Amino acid sequence: MRKIERQMNAAITSEKDWRCDNTEVRNIDGVSYVYLYGHKIAEVGDTWMRIFDGGHQTNTTKSRLNALLSAHGIGSESVFQKNFEWFFRDAMGGILPFFSGMRLN
């Protein structure tokens, strides 16, 4: 995990607003909103998360989402790419097509 991603996760855990380079966390009423280049890529609550691609399925977006899932998700959840398409791997190893706005509990 990159340093910026560790800092992003620390801001979410401590419920503090934070910004560094292209990544920002805003905390409003117990929900952390994560932005990459000004595009929302995640909403993180106490017991849930919604993930977005922000309109750009890039390696950086995928890296930020995987860092979020690692720190605030369940087990081995991840986003991965195969043949230029994004997929979501759940904690049980199931694979789902990725769609922006997926809600994870």
PDB file of N, CA and C in Angstrom:
ATOM      1  N   MET A   1       0.841  -1.176   0.000  1.00  0.00           N
ATOM      2  CA  MET A   1       0.000   0.000   0.000  1.00  0.00           C
ATOM      3  C   MET A   1       0.887   1.240   0.000  1.00  0.00           C
ATOM      4  N   ARG A   2       0.532   2.187  -0.814  1.00  0.00           N
ATOM      5  CA  ARG A   2       1.308   3.427  -0.927  1.00  0.00           C
ATOM      6  C   ARG A   2       1.118   4.312   0.301  1.00  0.00           C
ATOM      7  N   LYS A   3       2.080   5.179   0.535  1.00  0.00           N
ATOM      8  CA  LYS A   3       2.037   6.093   1.676  1.00  0.00           C
ATOM      9  C   LYS A   3       0.771   6.938   1.631  1.00  0.00           C
ATOM     10  N   ILE A   4       0.420   7.474   0.476  1.00  0.00           N
ATOM     11  CA  ILE A   4      -0.768   8.316   0.362  1.00  0.00           C
ATOM     12  C   ILE A   4      -2.033   7.523   0.714  1.00  0.00           C
ATOM     13  N   GLU A   5      -2.042   6.239   0.401  1.00  0.00           N
ATOM     14  CA  GLU A   5      -3.199   5.399   0.719  1.00  0.00           C
ATOM     15  C   GLU A   5      -3.268   5.096   2.212  1.00  0.00           C
ATOM     16  N   ARG A   6      -2.130   4.943   2.859  1.00  0.00           N
ATOM     17  CA  ARG A   6      -2.119   4.773   4.313  1.00  0.00           C
ATOM     18  C   ARG A   6      -2.643   6.027   4.996  1.00  0.00           C
ATOM     19  N   GLN A   7      -2.216   7.193   4.501  1.00  0.00           N
ATOM     20  CA  GLN A   7      -2.691   8.457   5.060  1.00  0.00           C
ATOM     21  C   GLN A   7      -4.190   8.627   4.825  1.00  0.00           C
ATOM     22  N   MET A   8      -4.670   8.260   3.655  1.00  0.00           N
ATOM     23  CA  MET A   8      -6.092   8.325   3.324  1.00  0.00           C
ATOM     24  C   MET A   8      -6.885   7.464   4.308  1.00  0.00           C
ATOM     25  N   ASN A   9      -6.440   6.231   4.534  1.00  0.00           N
ATOM     26  CA  ASN A   9      -7.134   5.329   5.450  1.00  0.00           C
ATOM     27  C   ASN A   9      -7.077   5.832   6.891  1.00  0.00           C
ATOM     28  N   ALA A  10      -5.974   6.430   7.282  1.00  0.00           N
ATOM     29  CA  ALA A  10      -5.854   6.992   8.635  1.00  0.00           C
ATOM     30  C   ALA A  10      -6.854   8.133   8.828  1.00  0.00           C
ATOM     31  N   ALA A  11      -7.036   8.957   7.802  1.00  0.00           N
ATOM     32  CA  ALA A  11      -8.006  10.060   7.882  1.00  0.00           C
ATOM     33  C   ALA A  11      -9.417   9.516   8.042  1.00  0.00           C
ATOM     34  N   ILE A  12      -9.734   8.446   7.339  1.00  0.00           N
ATOM     35  CA  ILE A  12     -11.065   7.837   7.454  1.00  0.00           C
ATOM     36  C   ILE A  12     -11.256   7.265   8.854  1.00  0.00           C
ATOM     37  N   THR A  13     -10.269   6.549   9.349  1.00  0.00           N
ATOM     38  CA  THR A  13     -10.353   5.942  10.676  1.00  0.00           C
ATOM     39  C   THR A  13     -10.521   7.001  11.756  1.00  0.00           C
ATOM     40  N   SER A  14      -9.806   8.111  11.629  1.00  0.00           N
ATOM     41  CA  SER A  14      -9.884   9.171  12.639  1.00  0.00           C
ATOM     42  C   SER A  14     -10.980  10.187  12.346  1.00  0.00           C
ATOM     43  N   GLU A  15     -11.726   9.973  11.263  1.00  0.00           N
ATOM     44  CA  GLU A  15     -12.828  10.851  10.862  1.00  0.00           C
ATOM     45  C   GLU A  15     -12.381  12.304  10.735  1.00  0.00           C
ATOM     46  N   LYS A  16     -11.261  12.504  10.065  1.00  0.00           N
ATOM     47  CA  LYS A  16     -10.719  13.847   9.838  1.00  0.00           C
ATOM     48  C   LYS A  16     -10.681  14.149   8.348  1.00  0.00           C
ATOM     49  N   ASP A  17     -10.877  15.413   8.011  1.00  0.00           N
ATOM     50  CA  ASP A  17     -10.700  15.840   6.628  1.00  0.00           C
ATOM     51  C   ASP A  17      -9.213  15.830   6.314  1.00  0.00           C
ATOM     52  N   TRP A  18      -8.873  15.469   5.081  1.00  0.00           N
ATOM     53  CA  TRP A  18      -7.467  15.334   4.691  1.00  0.00           C
ATOM     54  C   TRP A  18      -7.365  15.489   3.186  1.00  0.00           C
ATOM     55  N   ARG A  19      -6.240  16.030   2.744  1.00  0.00           N
ATOM     56  CA  ARG A  19      -5.980  16.156   1.308  1.00  0.00           C
ATOM     57  C   ARG A  19      -4.473  16.075   1.076  1.00  0.00           C
ATOM     58  N   CYS A  20      -4.103  15.332   0.042  1.00  0.00           N
ATOM     59  CA  CYS A  20      -2.707  15.259  -0.371  1.00  0.00           C
ATOM     60  C   CYS A  20      -2.688  14.978  -1.866  1.00  0.00           C
ATOM     61  N   ASP A  21      -2.028  15.821  -2.603  1.00  0.00           N
ATOM     62  CA  ASP A  21      -1.899  15.664  -4.057  1.00  0.00           C
ATOM     63  C   ASP A  21      -3.273  15.481  -4.712  1.00  0.00           C
ATOM     64  N   ASN A  22      -3.539  14.301  -5.263  1.00  0.00           N
ATOM     65  CA  ASN A  22      -4.761  14.084  -6.045  1.00  0.00           C
ATOM     66  C   ASN A  22      -5.875  13.406  -5.245  1.00  0.00           C
ATOM     67  N   THR A  23      -5.651  13.164  -3.953  1.00  0.00           N
ATOM     68  CA  THR A  23      -6.592  12.392  -3.144  1.00  0.00           C
ATOM     69  C   THR A  23      -7.091  13.235  -1.977  1.00  0.00           C
ATOM     70  N   GLU A  24      -8.397  13.127  -1.703  1.00  0.00           N
ATOM     71  CA  GLU A  24      -8.999  13.920  -0.634  1.00  0.00           C
ATOM     72  C   GLU A  24     -10.029  13.083   0.116  1.00  0.00           C
ATOM     73  N   VAL A  25     -10.111  13.311   1.432  1.00  0.00           N
ATOM     74  CA  VAL A  25     -11.128  12.695   2.280  1.00  0.00           C
ATOM     75  C   VAL A  25     -11.889  13.824   2.961  1.00  0.00           C
ATOM     76  N   ARG A  26     -13.215  13.776   2.849  1.00  0.00           N
ATOM     77  CA  ARG A  26     -14.085  14.727   3.553  1.00  0.00           C
ATOM     78  C   ARG A  26     -15.011  13.912   4.448  1.00  0.00           C
ATOM     79  N   ASN A  27     -15.086  14.293   5.702  1.00  0.00           N
ATOM     80  CA  ASN A  27     -15.952  13.603   6.656  1.00  0.00           C
ATOM     81  C   ASN A  27     -17.153  14.478   6.972  1.00  0.00           C
ATOM     82  N   ILE A  28     -18.345  13.926   6.737  1.00  0.00           N
ATOM     83  CA  ILE A  28     -19.586  14.649   6.983  1.00  0.00           C
ATOM     84  C   ILE A  28     -20.552  13.701   7.684  1.00  0.00           C
ATOM     85  N   ASP A  29     -20.943  14.067   8.898  1.00  0.00           N
ATOM     86  CA  ASP A  29     -21.933  13.295   9.664  1.00  0.00           C
ATOM     87  C   ASP A  29     -21.593  11.807   9.742  1.00  0.00           C
ATOM     88  N   GLY A  30     -20.350  11.480  10.021  1.00  0.00           N
ATOM     89  CA  GLY A  30     -19.947  10.095  10.219  1.00  0.00           C
ATOM     90  C   GLY A  30     -19.683   9.294   8.956  1.00  0.00           C
ATOM     91  N   VAL A  31     -19.769   9.939   7.797  1.00  0.00           N
ATOM     92  CA  VAL A  31     -19.470   9.271   6.535  1.00  0.00           C
ATOM     93  C   VAL A  31     -18.246   9.934   5.918  1.00  0.00           C
ATOM     94  N   SER A  32     -17.295   9.119   5.476  1.00  0.00           N
ATOM     95  CA  SER A  32     -16.099   9.636   4.804  1.00  0.00           C
ATOM     96  C   SER A  32     -16.312   9.530   3.301  1.00  0.00           C
ATOM     97  N   TYR A  33     -16.136  10.648   2.626  1.00  0.00           N
ATOM     98  CA  TYR A  33     -16.239  10.708   1.168  1.00  0.00           C
ATOM     99  C   TYR A  33     -14.822  10.828   0.619  1.00  0.00           C
ATOM    100  N   VAL A  34     -14.461   9.936  -0.289  1.00  0.00           N
ATOM    101  CA  VAL A  34     -13.106   9.895  -0.824  1.00  0.00           C
ATOM    102  C   VAL A  34     -13.147  10.337  -2.287  1.00  0.00           C
ATOM    103  N   TYR A  35     -12.256  11.256  -2.634  1.00  0.00           N
ATOM    104  CA  TYR A  35     -12.197  11.816  -3.980  1.00  0.00           C
ATOM    105  C   TYR A  35     -10.805  11.611  -4.578  1.00  0.00           C
ATOM    106  N   LEU A  36     -10.774  11.348  -5.855  1.00  0.00           N
ATOM    107  CA  LEU A  36      -9.532  11.256  -6.617  1.00  0.00           C
ATOM    108  C   LEU A  36      -9.666  12.211  -7.785  1.00  0.00           C
ATOM    109  N   TYR A  37      -8.782  13.170  -7.874  1.00  0.00           N
ATOM    110  CA  TYR A  37      -8.858  14.219  -8.896  1.00  0.00           C
ATOM    111  C   TYR A  37     -10.234  14.886  -8.913  1.00  0.00           C
ATOM    112  N   GLY A  38     -10.833  15.045  -7.725  1.00  0.00           N
ATOM    113  CA  GLY A  38     -12.122  15.710  -7.606  1.00  0.00           C
ATOM    114  C   GLY A  38     -13.330  14.845  -7.915  1.00  0.00           C
ATOM    115  N   HIS A  39     -13.116  13.584  -8.268  1.00  0.00           N
ATOM    116  CA  HIS A  39     -14.205  12.659  -8.574  1.00  0.00           C
ATOM    117  C   HIS A  39     -14.407  11.708  -7.395  1.00  0.00           C
ATOM    118  N   LYS A  40     -15.652  11.561  -6.956  1.00  0.00           N
ATOM    119  CA  LYS A  40     -15.927  10.683  -5.821  1.00  0.00           C
ATOM    120  C   LYS A  40     -15.669   9.235  -6.210  1.00  0.00           C
ATOM    121  N   ILE A  41     -14.859   8.547  -5.378  1.00  0.00           N
ATOM    122  CA  ILE A  41     -14.580   7.133  -5.632  1.00  0.00           C
ATOM    123  C   ILE A  41     -15.072   6.241  -4.493  1.00  0.00           C
ATOM    124  N   ALA A  42     -15.459   6.835  -3.352  1.00  0.00           N
ATOM    125  CA  ALA A  42     -15.957   5.992  -2.261  1.00  0.00           C
ATOM    126  C   ALA A  42     -16.702   6.808  -1.226  1.00  0.00           C
ATOM    127  N   GLU A  43     -17.638   6.120  -0.568  1.00  0.00           N
ATOM    128  CA  GLU A  43     -18.300   6.595   0.636  1.00  0.00           C
ATOM    129  C   GLU A  43     -18.089   5.490   1.664  1.00  0.00           C
ATOM    130  N   VAL A  44     -17.566   5.859   2.826  1.00  0.00           N
ATOM    131  CA  VAL A  44     -17.261   4.854   3.844  1.00  0.00           C
ATOM    132  C   VAL A  44     -17.998   5.209   5.122  1.00  0.00           C
ATOM    133  N   GLY A  45     -18.915   4.323   5.543  1.00  0.00           N
ATOM    134  CA  GLY A  45     -19.629   4.468   6.808  1.00  0.00           C
ATOM    135  C   GLY A  45     -19.069   3.487   7.825  1.00  0.00           C
ATOM    136  N   ASP A  46     -19.700   3.432   8.988  1.00  0.00           N
ATOM    137  CA  ASP A  46     -19.216   2.538  10.043  1.00  0.00           C
ATOM    138  C   ASP A  46     -19.328   1.068   9.658  1.00  0.00           C
ATOM    139  N   THR A  47     -20.398   0.703   8.945  1.00  0.00           N
ATOM    140  CA  THR A  47     -20.632  -0.711   8.649  1.00  0.00           C
ATOM    141  C   THR A  47     -20.850  -0.979   7.170  1.00  0.00           C
ATOM    142  N   TRP A  48     -20.532  -0.012   6.332  1.00  0.00           N
ATOM    143  CA  TRP A  48     -20.788  -0.170   4.896  1.00  0.00           C
ATOM    144  C   TRP A  48     -19.818   0.697   4.091  1.00  0.00           C
ATOM    145  N   MET A  49     -19.795   0.422   2.806  1.00  0.00           N
ATOM    146  CA  MET A  49     -18.969   1.196   1.879  1.00  0.00           C
ATOM    147  C   MET A  49     -19.645   1.170   0.505  1.00  0.00           C
ATOM    148  N   ARG A  50     -19.579   2.286  -0.199  1.00  0.00           N
ATOM    149  CA  ARG A  50     -19.987   2.336  -1.607  1.00  0.00           C
ATOM    150  C   ARG A  50     -18.761   2.725  -2.398  1.00  0.00           C
ATOM    151  N   ILE A  51     -18.519   2.017  -3.490  1.00  0.00           N
ATOM    152  CA  ILE A  51     -17.348   2.317  -4.308  1.00  0.00           C
ATOM    153  C   ILE A  51     -17.780   2.736  -5.704  1.00  0.00           C
ATOM    154  N   PHE A  52     -17.020   3.658  -6.257  1.00  0.00           N
ATOM    155  CA  PHE A  52     -17.290   4.241  -7.566  1.00  0.00           C
ATOM    156  C   PHE A  52     -15.994   4.237  -8.379  1.00  0.00           C
ATOM    157  N   ASP A  53     -16.110   4.303  -9.690  1.00  0.00           N
ATOM    158  CA  ASP A  53     -14.902   4.449 -10.507  1.00  0.00           C
ATOM    159  C   ASP A  53     -14.619   5.912 -10.826  1.00  0.00           C
ATOM    160  N   GLY A  54     -15.494   6.817 -10.428  1.00  0.00           N
ATOM    161  CA  GLY A  54     -15.288   8.241 -10.681  1.00  0.00           C
ATOM    162  C   GLY A  54     -15.277   8.568 -12.159  1.00  0.00           C
ATOM    163  N   GLY A  55     -15.786   7.666 -12.974  1.00  0.00           N
ATOM    164  CA  GLY A  55     -15.800   7.884 -14.415  1.00  0.00           C
ATOM    165  C   GLY A  55     -14.498   7.532 -15.111  1.00  0.00           C
ATOM    166  N   HIS A  56     -13.528   7.020 -14.328  1.00  0.00           N
ATOM    167  CA  HIS A  56     -12.212   6.714 -14.884  1.00  0.00           C
ATOM    168  C   HIS A  56     -11.709   5.401 -14.298  1.00  0.00           C
ATOM    169  N   GLN A  57     -11.723   4.352 -15.069  1.00  0.00           N
ATOM    170  CA  GLN A  57     -11.225   3.067 -14.584  1.00  0.00           C
ATOM    171  C   GLN A  57      -9.720   2.980 -14.834  1.00  0.00           C
ATOM    172  N   THR A  58      -8.979   3.680 -13.977  1.00  0.00           N
ATOM    173  CA  THR A  58      -7.526   3.743 -14.101  1.00  0.00           C
ATOM    174  C   THR A  58      -6.863   2.876 -13.038  1.00  0.00           C
ATOM    175  N   ASN A  59      -5.581   2.638 -13.207  1.00  0.00           N
ATOM    176  CA  ASN A  59      -4.824   1.889 -12.203  1.00  0.00           C
ATOM    177  C   ASN A  59      -4.789   2.623 -10.872  1.00  0.00           C
ATOM    178  N   THR A  60      -4.723   3.951 -10.898  1.00  0.00           N
ATOM    179  CA  THR A  60      -4.703   4.721  -9.650  1.00  0.00           C
ATOM    180  C   THR A  60      -6.027   4.589  -8.919  1.00  0.00           C
ATOM    181  N   THR A  61      -7.143   4.691  -9.648  1.00  0.00           N
ATOM    182  CA  THR A  61      -8.457   4.520  -9.025  1.00  0.00           C
ATOM    183  C   THR A  61      -8.562   3.133  -8.406  1.00  0.00           C
ATOM    184  N   LYS A  62      -8.166   2.133  -9.142  1.00  0.00           N
ATOM    185  CA  LYS A  62      -8.218   0.750  -8.653  1.00  0.00           C
ATOM    186  C   LYS A  62      -7.338   0.577  -7.414  1.00  0.00           C
ATOM    187  N   SER A  63      -6.160   1.182  -7.411  1.00  0.00           N
ATOM    188  CA  SER A  63      -5.260   1.099  -6.270  1.00  0.00           C
ATOM    189  C   SER A  63      -5.879   1.734  -5.026  1.00  0.00           C
ATOM    190  N   ARG A  64      -6.491   2.916  -5.181  1.00  0.00           N
ATOM    191  CA  ARG A  64      -7.141   3.585  -4.042  1.00  0.00           C
ATOM    192  C   ARG A  64      -8.296   2.729  -3.514  1.00  0.00           C
ATOM    193  N   LEU A  65      -9.115   2.191  -4.417  1.00  0.00           N
ATOM    194  CA  LEU A  65     -10.238   1.353  -3.987  1.00  0.00           C
ATOM    195  C   LEU A  65      -9.752   0.113  -3.254  1.00  0.00           C
ATOM    196  N   ASN A  66      -8.716  -0.514  -3.752  1.00  0.00           N
ATOM    197  CA  ASN A  66      -8.190  -1.709  -3.084  1.00  0.00           C
ATOM    198  C   ASN A  66      -7.589  -1.372  -1.719  1.00  0.00           C
ATOM    199  N   ALA A  67      -6.982  -0.212  -1.589  1.00  0.00           N
ATOM    200  CA  ALA A  67      -6.471   0.221  -0.287  1.00  0.00           C
ATOM    201  C   ALA A  67      -7.630   0.433   0.689  1.00  0.00           C
ATOM    202  N   LEU A  68      -8.705   1.035   0.207  1.00  0.00           N
ATOM    203  CA  LEU A  68      -9.898   1.224   1.038  1.00  0.00           C
ATOM    204  C   LEU A  68     -10.494  -0.114   1.451  1.00  0.00           C
ATOM    205  N   LEU A  69     -10.625  -1.014   0.507  1.00  0.00           N
ATOM    206  CA  LEU A  69     -11.191  -2.328   0.803  1.00  0.00           C
ATOM    207  C   LEU A  69     -10.318  -3.096   1.785  1.00  0.00           C
ATOM    208  N   SER A  70      -9.010  -2.975   1.656  1.00  0.00           N
ATOM    209  CA  SER A  70      -8.083  -3.659   2.552  1.00  0.00           C
ATOM    210  C   SER A  70      -8.242  -3.171   3.992  1.00  0.00           C
ATOM    211  N   ALA A  71      -8.402  -1.869   4.170  1.00  0.00           N
ATOM    212  CA  ALA A  71      -8.469  -1.295   5.515  1.00  0.00           C
ATOM    213  C   ALA A  71      -9.878  -1.266   6.093  1.00  0.00           C
ATOM    214  N   HIS A  72     -10.891  -1.096   5.247  1.00  0.00           N
ATOM    215  CA  HIS A  72     -12.247  -0.874   5.746  1.00  0.00           C
ATOM    216  C   HIS A  72     -13.263  -1.882   5.219  1.00  0.00           C
ATOM    217  N   GLY A  73     -12.807  -2.818   4.411  1.00  0.00           N
ATOM    218  CA  GLY A  73     -13.699  -3.837   3.860  1.00  0.00           C
ATOM    219  C   GLY A  73     -13.661  -5.112   4.671  1.00  0.00           C
ATOM    220  N   ILE A  74     -14.080  -6.184   4.043  1.00  0.00           N
ATOM    221  CA  ILE A  74     -14.133  -7.479   4.706  1.00  0.00           C
ATOM    222  C   ILE A  74     -13.137  -8.413   4.027  1.00  0.00           C
ATOM    223  N   GLY A  75     -12.193  -8.903   4.797  1.00  0.00           N
ATOM    224  CA  GLY A  75     -11.274  -9.921   4.298  1.00  0.00           C
ATOM    225  C   GLY A  75     -10.538  -9.548   3.037  1.00  0.00           C
ATOM    226  N   SER A  76     -10.697 -10.378   2.036  1.00  0.00           N
ATOM    227  CA  SER A  76      -9.901 -10.238   0.818  1.00  0.00           C
ATOM    228  C   SER A  76     -10.680  -9.605  -0.339  1.00  0.00           C
ATOM    229  N   GLU A  77     -11.619  -8.717  -0.040  1.00  0.00           N
ATOM    230  CA  GLU A  77     -12.349  -8.034  -1.108  1.00  0.00           C
ATOM    231  C   GLU A  77     -11.367  -7.235  -1.955  1.00  0.00           C
ATOM    232  N   SER A  78     -11.632  -7.173  -3.262  1.00  0.00           N
ATOM    233  CA  SER A  78     -10.751  -6.399  -4.131  1.00  0.00           C
ATOM    234  C   SER A  78     -11.428  -6.089  -5.458  1.00  0.00           C
ATOM    235  N   VAL A  79     -10.867  -5.115  -6.130  1.00  0.00           N
ATOM    236  CA  VAL A  79     -11.265  -4.766  -7.493  1.00  0.00           C
ATOM    237  C   VAL A  79     -10.110  -5.185  -8.393  1.00  0.00           C
ATOM    238  N   PHE A  80     -10.430  -5.852  -9.493  1.00  0.00           N
ATOM    239  CA  PHE A  80      -9.373  -6.252 -10.416  1.00  0.00           C
ATOM    240  C   PHE A  80      -9.873  -6.107 -11.846  1.00  0.00           C
ATOM    241  N   GLN A  81      -8.940  -6.183 -12.767  1.00  0.00           N
ATOM    242  CA  GLN A  81      -9.246  -5.992 -14.185  1.00  0.00           C
ATOM    243  C   GLN A  81      -8.840  -7.236 -14.966  1.00  0.00           C
ATOM    244  N   LYS A  82      -9.711  -7.613 -15.901  1.00  0.00           N
ATOM    245  CA  LYS A  82      -9.403  -8.721 -16.805  1.00  0.00           C
ATOM    246  C   LYS A  82      -9.978  -8.370 -18.165  1.00  0.00           C
ATOM    247  N   ASN A  83      -9.143  -8.445 -19.182  1.00  0.00           N
ATOM    248  CA  ASN A  83      -9.564  -8.098 -20.547  1.00  0.00           C
ATOM    249  C   ASN A  83     -10.229  -6.725 -20.606  1.00  0.00           C
ATOM    250  N   PHE A  84      -9.623  -5.753 -19.937  1.00  0.00           N
ATOM    251  CA  PHE A  84     -10.058  -4.361 -19.936  1.00  0.00           C
ATOM    252  C   PHE A  84     -11.387  -4.127 -19.224  1.00  0.00           C
ATOM    253  N   GLU A  85     -11.891  -5.112 -18.498  1.00  0.00           N
ATOM    254  CA  GLU A  85     -13.130  -4.961 -17.730  1.00  0.00           C
ATOM    255  C   GLU A  85     -12.815  -5.083 -16.248  1.00  0.00           C
ATOM    256  N   TRP A  86     -13.529  -4.298 -15.427  1.00  0.00           N
ATOM    257  CA  TRP A  86     -13.353  -4.337 -13.991  1.00  0.00           C
ATOM    258  C   TRP A  86     -14.313  -5.334 -13.367  1.00  0.00           C
ATOM    259  N   PHE A  87     -13.820  -5.993 -12.296  1.00  0.00           N
ATOM    260  CA  PHE A  87     -14.609  -6.946 -11.539  1.00  0.00           C
ATOM    261  C   PHE A  87     -14.378  -6.708 -10.053  1.00  0.00           C
ATOM    262  N   PHE A  88     -15.312  -7.198  -9.253  1.00  0.00           N
ATOM    263  CA  PHE A  88     -15.207  -7.137  -7.795  1.00  0.00           C
ATOM    264  C   PHE A  88     -15.144  -8.555  -7.255  1.00  0.00           C
ATOM    265  N   ARG A  89     -14.135  -8.825  -6.416  1.00  0.00           N
ATOM    266  CA  ARG A  89     -14.011 -10.129  -5.757  1.00  0.00           C
ATOM    267  C   ARG A  89     -14.462  -9.949  -4.315  1.00  0.00           C
ATOM    268  N   ASP A  90     -15.503 -10.696  -3.930  1.00  0.00           N
ATOM    269  CA  ASP A  90     -16.018 -10.555  -2.568  1.00  0.00           C
ATOM    270  C   ASP A  90     -15.193 -11.383  -1.587  1.00  0.00           C
ATOM    271  N   ALA A  91     -15.532 -11.293  -0.303  1.00  0.00           N
ATOM    272  CA  ALA A  91     -14.760 -11.954   0.747  1.00  0.00           C
ATOM    273  C   ALA A  91     -14.808 -13.475   0.653  1.00  0.00           C
ATOM    274  N   MET A  92     -15.823 -14.004  -0.021  1.00  0.00           N
ATOM    275  CA  MET A  92     -15.954 -15.452  -0.181  1.00  0.00           C
ATOM    276  C   MET A  92     -15.297 -15.947  -1.465  1.00  0.00           C
ATOM    277  N   GLY A  93     -14.696 -15.038  -2.226  1.00  0.00           N
ATOM    278  CA  GLY A  93     -14.035 -15.410  -3.472  1.00  0.00           C
ATOM    279  C   GLY A  93     -14.931 -15.329  -4.693  1.00  0.00           C
ATOM    280  N   GLY A  94     -16.188 -14.924  -4.487  1.00  0.00           N
ATOM    281  CA  GLY A  94     -17.105 -14.763  -5.612  1.00  0.00           C
ATOM    282  C   GLY A  94     -16.712 -13.561  -6.460  1.00  0.00           C
ATOM    283  N   ILE A  95     -16.982 -13.632  -7.738  1.00  0.00           N
ATOM    284  CA  ILE A  95     -16.611 -12.550  -8.654  1.00  0.00           C
ATOM    285  C   ILE A  95     -17.877 -11.968  -9.263  1.00  0.00           C
ATOM    286  N   LEU A  96     -17.977 -10.641  -9.170  1.00  0.00           N
ATOM    287  CA  LEU A  96     -19.114  -9.902  -9.706  1.00  0.00           C
ATOM    288  C   LEU A  96     -18.619  -8.854 -10.676  1.00  0.00           C
ATOM    289  N   PRO A  97     -19.407  -8.509 -11.692  1.00  0.00           N
ATOM    290  CA  PRO A  97     -19.027  -7.376 -12.533  1.00  0.00           C
ATOM    291  C   PRO A  97     -19.018  -6.105 -11.673  1.00  0.00           C
ATOM    292  N   PHE A  98     -18.010  -5.287 -11.830  1.00  0.00           N
ATOM    293  CA  PHE A  98     -17.938  -4.026 -11.098  1.00  0.00           C
ATOM    294  C   PHE A  98     -18.940  -3.052 -11.690  1.00  0.00           C
ATOM    295  N   PHE A  99     -19.644  -2.318 -10.824  1.00  0.00           N
ATOM    296  CA  PHE A  99     -20.431  -1.188 -11.304  1.00  0.00           C
ATOM    297  C   PHE A  99     -20.272  -0.045 -10.319  1.00  0.00           C
ATOM    298  N   SER A 100     -20.206   1.141 -10.858  1.00  0.00           N
ATOM    299  CA  SER A 100     -19.999   2.325 -10.038  1.00  0.00           C
ATOM    300  C   SER A 100     -21.194   2.531  -9.126  1.00  0.00           C
ATOM    301  N   GLY A 101     -20.923   2.652  -7.836  1.00  0.00           N
ATOM    302  CA  GLY A 101     -21.971   2.815  -6.848  1.00  0.00           C
ATOM    303  C   GLY A 101     -22.295   1.541  -6.098  1.00  0.00           C
ATOM    304  N   MET A 102     -21.491   0.495  -6.292  1.00  0.00           N
ATOM    305  CA  MET A 102     -21.712  -0.769  -5.563  1.00  0.00           C
ATOM    306  C   MET A 102     -21.725  -0.495  -4.069  1.00  0.00           C
ATOM    307  N   ARG A 103     -22.705  -1.040  -3.380  1.00  0.00           N
ATOM    308  CA  ARG A 103     -22.761  -0.902  -1.925  1.00  0.00           C
ATOM    309  C   ARG A 103     -22.321  -2.213  -1.303  1.00  0.00           C
ATOM    310  N   LEU A 104     -21.380  -2.116  -0.390  1.00  0.00           N
ATOM    311  CA  LEU A 104     -20.836  -3.298   0.276  1.00  0.00           C
ATOM    312  C   LEU A 104     -21.164  -3.203   1.766  1.00  0.00           C
ATOM    313  N   ASN A 105     -21.615  -4.286   2.351  1.00  0.00           N
ATOM    314  CA  ASN A 105     -21.942  -4.300   3.787  1.00  0.00           C
ATOM    315  C   ASN A 105     -20.935  -5.119   4.547  1.00  0.00           C
TER     316      ASN A 105
END
